[in-house]
Amino acid sequence: MAFARQKYLVWLQRNFGLMPLDNSTDDADGEILAEYTRQFAGWVSEFASDDLRDHVLSALGVDIPTP
């Protein structure tokens, strides 16, 4: 797991008590989460600096969306 993603997961757990869904979740849950992640990545890409966008998207494990 990439260091940035591991840091993000620790932050998520520490600040919000959340952990990513495990592999046993329903496919529908995974599809919904993937869609929210894509939407969030697009939103971040609209206003964040290149460095911030890259760090956030790297932590989420998603590619940088193209306009």
C-alpha atoms as a PDB file:
ATOM      1  CA  MET A   1       0.000   0.000   0.000  1.00  0.00           C
ATOM      2  CA  ALA A   2       1.354   3.410  -0.896  1.00  0.00           C
ATOM      3  CA  PHE A   3       2.589   5.542   1.993  1.00  0.00           C
ATOM      4  CA  ALA A   4       0.178   8.415   1.202  1.00  0.00           C
ATOM      5  CA  ARG A   5      -2.801   6.046   1.253  1.00  0.00           C
ATOM      6  CA  GLN A   6      -1.680   4.501   4.542  1.00  0.00           C
ATOM      7  CA  LYS A   7      -1.362   7.983   6.061  1.00  0.00           C
ATOM      8  CA  TYR A   8      -4.851   8.834   4.814  1.00  0.00           C
ATOM      9  CA  LEU A   9      -6.330   5.666   6.312  1.00  0.00           C
ATOM     10  CA  VAL A  10      -4.734   6.412   9.698  1.00  0.00           C
ATOM     11  CA  TRP A  11      -6.075   9.983   9.551  1.00  0.00           C
ATOM     12  CA  LEU A  12      -9.550   8.746   8.586  1.00  0.00           C
ATOM     13  CA  GLN A  13      -9.621   6.290  11.478  1.00  0.00           C
ATOM     14  CA  ARG A  14      -8.206   8.749  14.015  1.00  0.00           C
ATOM     15  CA  ASN A  15     -10.428  11.694  13.102  1.00  0.00           C
ATOM     16  CA  PHE A  16     -13.670  10.023  12.069  1.00  0.00           C
ATOM     17  CA  GLY A  17     -13.494   6.441  13.313  1.00  0.00           C
ATOM     18  CA  LEU A  18     -13.961   5.203   9.749  1.00  0.00           C
ATOM     19  CA  MET A  19     -12.309   2.360   7.898  1.00  0.00           C
ATOM     20  CA  PRO A  20     -12.625   1.430   4.213  1.00  0.00           C
ATOM     21  CA  LEU A  21     -15.148  -1.209   3.275  1.00  0.00           C
ATOM     22  CA  ASP A  22     -13.701  -4.701   3.320  1.00  0.00           C
ATOM     23  CA  ASN A  23     -13.682  -7.044   0.353  1.00  0.00           C
ATOM     24  CA  SER A  24     -16.751  -8.903   1.591  1.00  0.00           C
ATOM     25  CA  THR A  25     -19.114  -5.998   0.943  1.00  0.00           C
ATOM     26  CA  ASP A  26     -21.901  -6.276  -1.579  1.00  0.00           C
ATOM     27  CA  ASP A  27     -20.969  -5.363  -5.177  1.00  0.00           C
ATOM     28  CA  ALA A  28     -23.638  -2.657  -5.132  1.00  0.00           C
ATOM     29  CA  ASP A  29     -21.907  -1.007  -2.151  1.00  0.00           C
ATOM     30  CA  GLY A  30     -18.604  -1.120  -4.011  1.00  0.00           C
ATOM     31  CA  GLU A  31     -20.142   0.435  -7.108  1.00  0.00           C
ATOM     32  CA  ILE A  32     -21.743   3.201  -5.068  1.00  0.00           C
ATOM     33  CA  LEU A  33     -18.481   3.924  -3.249  1.00  0.00           C
ATOM     34  CA  ALA A  34     -16.579   3.959  -6.556  1.00  0.00           C
ATOM     35  CA  GLU A  35     -19.054   6.461  -8.003  1.00  0.00           C
ATOM     36  CA  TYR A  36     -18.788   8.743  -4.962  1.00  0.00           C
ATOM     37  CA  THR A  37     -15.005   8.514  -5.156  1.00  0.00           C
ATOM     38  CA  ARG A  38     -15.066   9.494  -8.848  1.00  0.00           C
ATOM     39  CA  GLN A  39     -17.365  12.430  -8.100  1.00  0.00           C
ATOM     40  CA  PHE A  40     -15.181  13.583  -5.218  1.00  0.00           C
ATOM     41  CA  ALA A  41     -12.046  13.298  -7.362  1.00  0.00           C
ATOM     42  CA  GLY A  42     -13.690  15.464 -10.026  1.00  0.00           C
ATOM     43  CA  TRP A  43     -14.710  18.030  -7.421  1.00  0.00           C
ATOM     44  CA  VAL A  44     -11.229  18.211  -5.901  1.00  0.00           C
ATOM     45  CA  SER A  45      -9.698  18.569  -9.353  1.00  0.00           C
ATOM     46  CA  GLU A  46     -11.793  21.658 -10.085  1.00  0.00           C
ATOM     47  CA  PHE A  47     -10.326  23.876  -7.384  1.00  0.00           C
ATOM     48  CA  ALA A  48      -7.299  22.296  -5.704  1.00  0.00           C
ATOM     49  CA  SER A  49      -3.728  23.109  -6.571  1.00  0.00           C
ATOM     50  CA  ASP A  50      -1.982  20.430  -8.599  1.00  0.00           C
ATOM     51  CA  ASP A  51       0.031  19.272  -5.574  1.00  0.00           C
ATOM     52  CA  LEU A  52      -2.982  19.066  -3.258  1.00  0.00           C
ATOM     53  CA  ARG A  53      -5.064  17.317  -5.910  1.00  0.00           C
ATOM     54  CA  ASP A  54      -2.323  14.765  -6.541  1.00  0.00           C
ATOM     55  CA  HIS A  55      -1.928  14.024  -2.809  1.00  0.00           C
ATOM     56  CA  VAL A  56      -5.661  13.635  -2.232  1.00  0.00           C
ATOM     57  CA  LEU A  57      -6.236  11.450  -5.266  1.00  0.00           C
ATOM     58  CA  SER A  58      -3.171   9.363  -4.502  1.00  0.00           C
ATOM     59  CA  ALA A  59      -4.456   8.782  -0.969  1.00  0.00           C
ATOM     60  CA  LEU A  60      -7.806   7.696  -2.399  1.00  0.00           C
ATOM     61  CA  GLY A  61      -6.101   5.410  -4.877  1.00  0.00           C
ATOM     62  CA  VAL A  62      -7.732   6.983  -7.930  1.00  0.00           C
ATOM     63  CA  ASP A  63      -6.393   8.427 -11.148  1.00  0.00           C
ATOM     64  CA  ILE A  64      -6.526  12.140 -11.793  1.00  0.00           C
ATOM     65  CA  PRO A  65      -9.747  12.786 -13.718  1.00  0.00           C
ATOM     66  CA  THR A  66      -9.474  14.462 -17.077  1.00  0.00           C
ATOM     67  CA  PRO A  67     -11.800  17.384 -17.878  1.00  0.00           C
END
